[in-house]
């Protein structure tokens, strides 16, 4: 693909591509651009971005791309379902030590672990931590068939692109967090009353227009004041979180669940 293109020129288009996408502050689109650019720059067979979940203390795949000729049909599902702890496999090692790694043969290195039904033998890897202001955001990794198939130039290009990717992910994540807070209740993570009211108006209009049914469930625990008075506000907060989780476990993913105020909850059920 790169016939006639000088290696030293390769990273700049990739950096610009990531920066251009990052300007839109769309996290999902930014991540997709990052893995695609990372794969092209390194000529890898597979690339993935793992994001660090501070609450769960796990690394999970947020975006990935791969050559289907070399991987089984279940590869994506298996990789996405696997959550990694710090120190687990080469990705976990990279996150824990916050050090990049160029591995000539994964089968000869003690750190990698087989994932997605793919053997480690005769594959090279590049793994780079994504760290902004000493805060771990995640890890980006590339894998390619053939021992020693990544050169020092590939490794250098990958680190240049990873630096830009870190800035892009940090900005897009911050924007997504602000947007999420604007429509959610901080304690329970459910939608807040303002957003719910907007969705309610929209769904009522849709139901009128289409003639399809619409249900509204109102849940009031009537226990918050008693718990707060007897056990304190921390226990009251735990009660609210417990109620929110219980409601979410018993509704459809298409339903709209909100904390409307105090210990009052709303569930909007289209159709």
Protein backbone atom coordinates (compact mmCIF):
# COMPACT_ATOMS: atom_id res chain seq x y z
CA UNK A 1 0.00 0.00 0.00
CA UNK A 2 2.86 2.35 0.75
CA UNK A 3 4.90 2.01 -2.44
CA UNK A 4 6.60 5.30 -3.19
CA UNK A 5 5.80 6.86 0.21
CA UNK A 6 8.71 7.68 2.46
CA UNK A 7 8.35 6.00 5.90
CA UNK A 8 9.13 9.23 7.76
CA UNK A 9 6.08 10.86 6.16
CA UNK A 10 3.60 8.22 7.25
CA UNK A 11 2.62 9.41 10.76
CA UNK A 12 1.59 12.93 9.82
CA UNK A 13 -1.53 12.10 7.83
CA UNK A 14 -2.57 9.74 10.63
CA UNK A 15 -2.04 12.38 13.33
CA UNK A 16 -4.03 14.90 11.28
CA UNK A 17 -6.82 12.37 10.72
CA UNK A 18 -7.15 11.70 14.45
CA UNK A 19 -6.97 15.40 15.28
CA UNK A 20 -9.64 16.23 12.72
CA UNK A 21 -12.01 13.62 14.12
CA UNK A 22 -11.25 14.66 17.70
CA UNK A 23 -12.38 18.20 16.93
CA UNK A 24 -15.96 16.88 16.75
CA UNK A 25 -15.65 15.58 20.36
CA UNK A 26 -17.44 12.37 19.40
CA UNK A 27 -15.75 9.66 21.50
CA UNK A 28 -16.98 6.62 19.54
CA UNK A 29 -16.04 8.12 16.17
CA UNK A 30 -12.67 9.24 17.55
CA UNK A 31 -11.90 5.73 18.80
CA UNK A 32 -12.82 4.18 15.44
CA UNK A 33 -10.53 6.63 13.65
CA UNK A 34 -7.71 5.87 16.09
CA UNK A 35 -7.78 2.08 15.60
CA UNK A 36 -8.05 2.43 11.82
CA UNK A 37 -5.16 4.89 11.66
CA UNK A 38 -3.07 2.84 14.08
CA UNK A 39 -3.55 -0.26 11.96
CA UNK A 40 -2.55 1.51 8.75
CA UNK A 41 0.51 3.17 10.30
CA UNK A 42 1.79 -0.09 11.80
CA UNK A 43 0.51 -2.32 8.93
CA UNK A 44 -0.96 -4.52 11.69
CA UNK A 45 -3.41 -7.37 11.24
CA UNK A 46 -5.36 -6.32 14.33
CA UNK A 47 -5.56 -3.20 16.47
CA UNK A 48 -7.66 -2.35 19.52
CA UNK A 49 -8.12 0.42 22.04
CA UNK A 50 -8.81 -0.65 25.62
CA UNK A 51 -10.28 1.99 27.93
CA UNK A 52 -9.72 1.96 31.69
CA UNK A 53 -12.84 1.80 33.86
CA UNK A 54 -11.88 3.41 37.16
CA UNK A 55 -15.00 2.13 38.93
CA UNK A 56 -14.68 -1.49 37.84
CA UNK A 57 -10.86 -1.41 37.83
CA UNK A 58 -10.87 -3.16 34.48
CA UNK A 59 -9.71 -2.60 30.90
CA UNK A 60 -12.28 -3.23 28.19
CA UNK A 61 -12.16 -2.97 24.39
CA UNK A 62 -13.82 0.23 23.16
CA UNK A 63 -12.88 -0.06 19.47
CA UNK A 64 -11.09 -2.62 17.31
CA UNK A 65 -10.32 -3.54 13.72
CA UNK A 66 -8.83 -6.73 12.27
CA UNK A 67 -8.13 -8.70 9.11
CA UNK A 68 -10.86 -11.36 8.98
CA UNK A 69 -8.61 -13.69 7.00
CA UNK A 70 -6.46 -14.35 10.05
CA UNK A 71 -8.99 -14.48 12.87
CA UNK A 72 -11.94 -16.74 13.77
CA UNK A 73 -15.55 -15.63 13.37
CA UNK A 74 -15.93 -15.26 17.15
CA UNK A 75 -12.83 -13.08 17.53
CA UNK A 76 -14.60 -9.75 18.09
CA UNK A 77 -17.13 -11.16 20.54
CA UNK A 78 -14.46 -12.98 22.54
CA UNK A 79 -12.19 -9.94 22.74
CA UNK A 80 -14.97 -7.51 23.68
CA UNK A 81 -16.33 -9.80 26.38
CA UNK A 82 -12.95 -10.16 28.10
CA UNK A 83 -12.29 -7.53 30.78
CA UNK A 84 -8.64 -7.27 31.87
CA UNK A 85 -7.23 -6.44 35.28
CA UNK A 86 -4.04 -4.46 35.79
CA UNK A 87 -1.11 -6.76 35.13
CA UNK A 88 -3.18 -9.27 33.15
CA UNK A 89 -1.58 -10.12 29.83
CA UNK A 90 0.54 -7.67 27.87
CA UNK A 91 -2.26 -5.07 27.80
CA UNK A 92 -2.66 -5.25 31.59
CA UNK A 93 1.11 -5.18 32.06
CA UNK A 94 1.38 -2.08 29.89
CA UNK A 95 -1.40 -0.37 31.88
CA UNK A 96 0.10 -1.30 35.24
CA UNK A 97 3.67 -0.26 34.40
CA UNK A 98 2.65 2.55 32.03
CA UNK A 99 5.41 1.51 29.68
CA UNK A 100 5.19 0.82 25.92
CA UNK A 101 6.41 -2.49 24.56
CA UNK A 102 7.62 -3.79 21.20
CA UNK A 103 7.46 -7.60 21.22
CA UNK A 104 9.15 -9.44 18.39
CA UNK A 105 7.48 -12.80 19.14
CA UNK A 106 4.56 -12.98 21.55
CA UNK A 107 5.01 -16.73 21.88
CA UNK A 108 8.45 -16.17 23.42
CA UNK A 109 7.43 -13.39 25.82
CA UNK A 110 5.99 -14.31 29.26
CA UNK A 111 3.62 -11.32 29.44
CA UNK A 112 1.02 -11.88 26.67
CA UNK A 113 -1.96 -14.22 27.07
CA UNK A 114 -3.92 -15.91 24.29
CA UNK A 115 -7.31 -14.24 23.70
CA UNK A 116 -10.12 -14.55 21.17
CA UNK A 117 -9.20 -18.12 20.24
CA UNK A 118 -5.93 -16.98 18.64
CA UNK A 119 -2.56 -18.55 19.45
CA UNK A 120 0.35 -16.29 20.36
CA UNK A 121 3.09 -18.08 18.41
CA UNK A 122 4.68 -16.31 15.43
CA UNK A 123 3.09 -12.92 16.08
CA UNK A 124 4.58 -9.54 16.89
CA UNK A 125 2.94 -6.86 19.02
CA UNK A 126 3.12 -3.15 19.82
CA UNK A 127 1.43 -2.08 23.04
CA UNK A 128 1.33 1.53 24.29
CA UNK A 129 -0.34 3.03 27.39
CA UNK A 130 -2.58 6.07 26.99
CA UNK A 131 -1.82 8.38 29.91
CA UNK A 132 -2.94 12.01 30.28
CA UNK A 133 -1.80 14.14 33.24
CA UNK A 134 -0.63 10.98 35.02
CA UNK A 135 -4.13 9.49 34.66
CA UNK A 136 -4.51 6.15 32.88
CA UNK A 137 -7.03 6.37 30.04
CA UNK A 138 -6.34 3.00 28.47
CA UNK A 139 -4.03 1.03 26.20
CA UNK A 140 -3.71 0.71 22.44
CA UNK A 141 -2.25 -2.43 20.92
CA UNK A 142 -1.38 -3.79 17.49
CA UNK A 143 -0.70 -7.41 16.48
CA UNK A 144 0.81 -8.71 13.25
CA UNK A 145 1.52 -12.18 11.90
CA UNK A 146 5.19 -13.13 11.74
CA UNK A 147 7.97 -12.78 14.35
CA UNK A 148 9.80 -9.47 14.02
CA UNK A 149 7.19 -8.10 11.62
CA UNK A 150 7.13 -4.71 13.37
CA UNK A 151 10.16 -2.52 12.74
CA UNK A 152 11.61 0.24 14.91
CA UNK A 153 9.95 2.72 12.53
CA UNK A 154 6.56 1.10 13.13
CA UNK A 155 7.18 1.38 16.88
CA UNK A 156 8.17 5.03 16.60
CA UNK A 157 5.18 5.87 14.39
CA UNK A 158 2.87 4.07 16.82
CA UNK A 159 4.13 6.10 19.77
CA UNK A 160 3.67 9.35 17.85
CA UNK A 161 0.11 8.42 16.96
CA UNK A 162 -0.61 7.17 20.50
CA UNK A 163 0.35 10.59 21.88
CA UNK A 164 -2.21 12.26 19.61
CA UNK A 165 -4.76 9.57 20.42
CA UNK A 166 -4.35 10.25 24.14
CA UNK A 167 -5.17 13.93 23.66
CA UNK A 168 -8.14 13.09 21.45
CA UNK A 169 -9.58 10.50 23.86
CA UNK A 170 -9.09 12.80 26.84
CA UNK A 171 -10.95 15.67 25.17
CA UNK A 172 -13.76 13.48 23.80
CA UNK A 173 -14.18 11.66 27.13
CA UNK A 174 -14.43 14.93 29.04
CA UNK A 175 -17.06 16.20 26.60
CA UNK A 176 -19.02 12.94 26.86
CA UNK A 177 -18.91 13.14 30.67
CA UNK A 178 -20.28 16.69 30.64
CA UNK A 179 -23.08 15.67 28.28
CA UNK A 180 -23.87 12.64 30.40
CA UNK A 181 -24.04 14.71 33.60
CA UNK A 182 -26.39 17.18 31.94
CA UNK A 183 -29.07 14.49 31.46
CA UNK A 184 -28.41 12.08 34.34
CA UNK A 185 -28.86 12.01 38.08
CA UNK A 186 -25.39 12.04 39.64
CA UNK A 187 -26.24 9.61 42.46
CA UNK A 188 -28.10 6.85 40.62
CA UNK A 189 -26.91 7.30 37.05
CA UNK A 190 -30.52 7.34 35.84
CA UNK A 191 -31.91 10.14 33.69
CA UNK A 192 -32.77 13.30 35.59
CA UNK A 193 -36.22 14.94 35.79
CA UNK A 194 -35.48 17.53 33.13
CA UNK A 195 -34.39 15.03 30.52
CA UNK A 196 -37.27 12.72 31.42
CA UNK A 197 -39.79 15.51 30.93
CA UNK A 198 -38.40 16.13 27.45
CA UNK A 199 -38.56 12.43 26.56
CA UNK A 200 -42.09 12.20 27.97
CA UNK A 201 -43.32 15.01 25.69
CA UNK A 202 -41.65 13.41 22.69
CA UNK A 203 -43.08 9.96 23.39
CA UNK A 204 -46.59 11.30 24.04
CA UNK A 205 -46.51 13.10 20.68
CA UNK A 206 -45.23 9.95 18.97
CA UNK A 207 -47.97 7.84 20.59
CA UNK A 208 -50.63 10.33 19.43
CA UNK A 209 -49.20 10.36 15.91
CA UNK A 210 -48.86 6.59 15.52
CA UNK A 211 -51.70 5.39 17.73
CA UNK A 212 -49.31 3.04 19.53
CA UNK A 213 -49.58 2.48 23.31
CA UNK A 214 -47.47 4.26 25.89
CA UNK A 215 -47.19 3.32 29.58
CA UNK A 216 -45.90 5.34 32.52
CA UNK A 217 -44.93 3.69 35.80
CA UNK A 218 -44.46 5.87 38.90
CA UNK A 219 -42.44 4.35 41.74
CA UNK A 220 -42.28 6.00 45.17
CA UNK A 221 -40.47 4.08 47.90
CA UNK A 222 -41.92 6.21 50.75
CA UNK A 223 -38.93 5.14 52.86
CA UNK A 224 -36.23 7.70 52.23
CA UNK A 225 -37.04 10.02 55.13
CA UNK A 226 -37.33 7.12 57.57
CA UNK A 227 -33.96 5.70 56.52
CA UNK A 228 -32.27 9.11 56.57
CA UNK A 229 -33.63 9.91 60.05
CA UNK A 230 -32.76 6.53 61.51
CA UNK A 231 -29.52 5.61 59.76
CA UNK A 232 -28.18 8.78 58.12
CA UNK A 233 -27.94 10.20 54.60
CA UNK A 234 -25.31 7.72 53.43
CA UNK A 235 -27.70 4.83 54.01
CA UNK A 236 -30.46 6.85 52.33
CA UNK A 237 -28.25 7.25 49.27
CA UNK A 238 -27.55 3.51 49.22
CA UNK A 239 -31.29 2.89 49.32
CA UNK A 240 -31.82 5.11 46.27
CA UNK A 241 -29.04 3.42 44.33
CA UNK A 242 -30.47 0.00 45.23
CA UNK A 243 -33.95 1.00 44.05
CA UNK A 244 -32.53 2.39 40.80
CA UNK A 245 -30.63 -0.85 40.08
CA UNK A 246 -33.66 -2.98 40.89
CA UNK A 247 -35.86 -1.00 38.49
CA UNK A 248 -33.26 -1.22 35.74
CA UNK A 249 -33.06 -5.01 36.16
CA UNK A 250 -36.79 -5.36 35.51
CA UNK A 251 -37.40 -3.10 32.52
CA UNK A 252 -36.50 -3.28 28.83
CA UNK A 253 -33.47 -1.53 27.40
CA UNK A 254 -35.86 0.58 25.31
CA UNK A 255 -37.62 1.92 28.43
CA UNK A 256 -36.70 5.33 29.84
CA UNK A 257 -35.93 5.27 33.58
CA UNK A 258 -35.43 8.43 35.63
CA UNK A 259 -35.10 9.64 39.18
CA UNK A 260 -37.73 12.35 39.31
CA UNK A 261 -36.95 13.69 42.76
CA UNK A 262 -36.33 12.43 46.29
CA UNK A 263 -37.28 8.75 46.21
CA UNK A 264 -39.63 9.08 43.24
CA UNK A 265 -38.78 7.24 40.06
CA UNK A 266 -40.39 7.21 36.62
CA UNK A 267 -40.40 4.50 33.96
CA UNK A 268 -41.61 5.39 30.48
CA UNK A 269 -42.51 2.36 28.35
CA UNK A 270 -43.21 2.96 24.65
CA UNK A 271 -45.38 0.33 22.92
